[in-house]
Every structure is written in structure tokens, then in C-alpha cells.
Amino acid sequence: MGPGVDNRAALAFYYCEGYHPIPPYRPGRDPSINRALRKQLCPVRQDRAGY
């Protein structure tokens, strides 16, 4: 995601949706402009795995 420092609303949206910052996955990226985020997804329930 690259909203930069001026798009705090976008960051707030992602944080409210459960995303968390992670270290950059490409070297040389400016963390004040490009941010790496991740979200833990729910595991598939075994009783619904074949559904």
C-alpha cells in the first residue's frame, strides 16, 4: 500500500479492519510512503472444509 503520509484515513481504515504493519518486503522502500500490512485470516472450519 502506498498512501503516503497524507492519507491517514486510508491507514485508519486498514487498521480498523484488522491489518497490522509488518517490515517492508522490498529493501529500499521509504516507510513513510510505502507501508506493508498484513491481516490474519480465519482458518477454515473442518466441518465446512468440503462445502
C-alpha atoms as a PDB file:
ATOM      1  CA  MET A   1       0.000   0.000   0.000  1.00  0.00           C
ATOM      2  CA  GLY A   2       1.342   3.429  -0.780  1.00  0.00           C
ATOM      3  CA  PRO A   3      -0.982   6.062   0.700  1.00  0.00           C
ATOM      4  CA  GLY A   4       1.921   8.160   1.920  1.00  0.00           C
ATOM      5  CA  VAL A   5       1.907  10.387   4.936  1.00  0.00           C
ATOM      6  CA  ASP A   6      -1.085  12.424   3.744  1.00  0.00           C
ATOM      7  CA  ASN A   7      -3.637   9.624   3.661  1.00  0.00           C
ATOM      8  CA  ARG A   8      -4.234   8.901   7.316  1.00  0.00           C
ATOM      9  CA  ALA A   9      -7.872   7.981   6.631  1.00  0.00           C
ATOM     10  CA  ALA A  10      -6.775   5.028   4.467  1.00  0.00           C
ATOM     11  CA  LEU A  11      -4.395   3.803   7.170  1.00  0.00           C
ATOM     12  CA  ALA A  12      -7.088   4.161   9.819  1.00  0.00           C
ATOM     13  CA  PHE A  13      -9.459   2.107   7.661  1.00  0.00           C
ATOM     14  CA  TYR A  14      -6.935  -0.705   7.246  1.00  0.00           C
ATOM     15  CA  TYR A  15      -6.088  -0.730  10.962  1.00  0.00           C
ATOM     16  CA  CYS A  16      -9.790  -0.844  11.885  1.00  0.00           C
ATOM     17  CA  GLU A  17     -10.240  -3.777   9.507  1.00  0.00           C
ATOM     18  CA  GLY A  18      -7.604  -5.793  11.345  1.00  0.00           C
ATOM     19  CA  TYR A  19      -4.465  -5.091   9.295  1.00  0.00           C
ATOM     20  CA  HIS A  20      -1.172  -4.656  11.138  1.00  0.00           C
ATOM     21  CA  PRO A  21       2.156  -3.198   9.984  1.00  0.00           C
ATOM     22  CA  ILE A  22       4.928  -5.617   9.024  1.00  0.00           C
ATOM     23  CA  PRO A  23       8.519  -4.996   7.972  1.00  0.00           C
ATOM     24  CA  PRO A  24       8.961  -3.961   4.325  1.00  0.00           C
ATOM     25  CA  TYR A  25       9.258  -6.919   1.969  1.00  0.00           C
ATOM     26  CA  ARG A  26      11.340  -4.958  -0.545  1.00  0.00           C
ATOM     27  CA  PRO A  27      14.538  -3.204   0.500  1.00  0.00           C
ATOM     28  CA  GLY A  28      14.898   0.498  -0.112  1.00  0.00           C
ATOM     29  CA  ARG A  29      11.257   1.425   0.383  1.00  0.00           C
ATOM     30  CA  ASP A  30      10.566   4.621   2.310  1.00  0.00           C
ATOM     31  CA  PRO A  31       8.367   3.527   5.249  1.00  0.00           C
ATOM     32  CA  SER A  32       6.806   6.982   5.497  1.00  0.00           C
ATOM     33  CA  ILE A  33       5.376   6.498   1.982  1.00  0.00           C
ATOM     34  CA  ASN A  34       5.112   2.745   1.370  1.00  0.00           C
ATOM     35  CA  ARG A  35       3.748   0.558   4.113  1.00  0.00           C
ATOM     36  CA  ALA A  36       3.454  -3.197   4.288  1.00  0.00           C
ATOM     37  CA  LEU A  37       0.427  -4.521   6.133  1.00  0.00           C
ATOM     38  CA  ARG A  38      -0.987  -7.955   6.820  1.00  0.00           C
ATOM     39  CA  LYS A  39      -4.209  -9.390   8.142  1.00  0.00           C
ATOM     40  CA  GLN A  40      -4.654 -12.730   9.870  1.00  0.00           C
ATOM     41  CA  LEU A  41      -7.365 -14.664   8.063  1.00  0.00           C
ATOM     42  CA  CYS A  42      -9.661 -17.024   9.899  1.00  0.00           C
ATOM     43  CA  PRO A  43      -8.792 -20.691   9.440  1.00  0.00           C
ATOM     44  CA  VAL A  44     -11.245 -22.870   7.526  1.00  0.00           C
ATOM     45  CA  ARG A  45     -13.525 -24.765   9.861  1.00  0.00           C
ATOM     46  CA  GLN A  46     -13.161 -28.514   9.406  1.00  0.00           C
ATOM     47  CA  ASP A  47     -16.919 -29.077   9.319  1.00  0.00           C
ATOM     48  CA  ARG A  48     -17.186 -26.678   6.347  1.00  0.00           C
ATOM     49  CA  ALA A  49     -13.965 -27.607   4.523  1.00  0.00           C
ATOM     50  CA  GLY A  50     -15.792 -29.562   1.788  1.00  0.00           C
ATOM     51  CA  TYR A  51     -18.658 -27.085   1.458  1.00  0.00           C
END
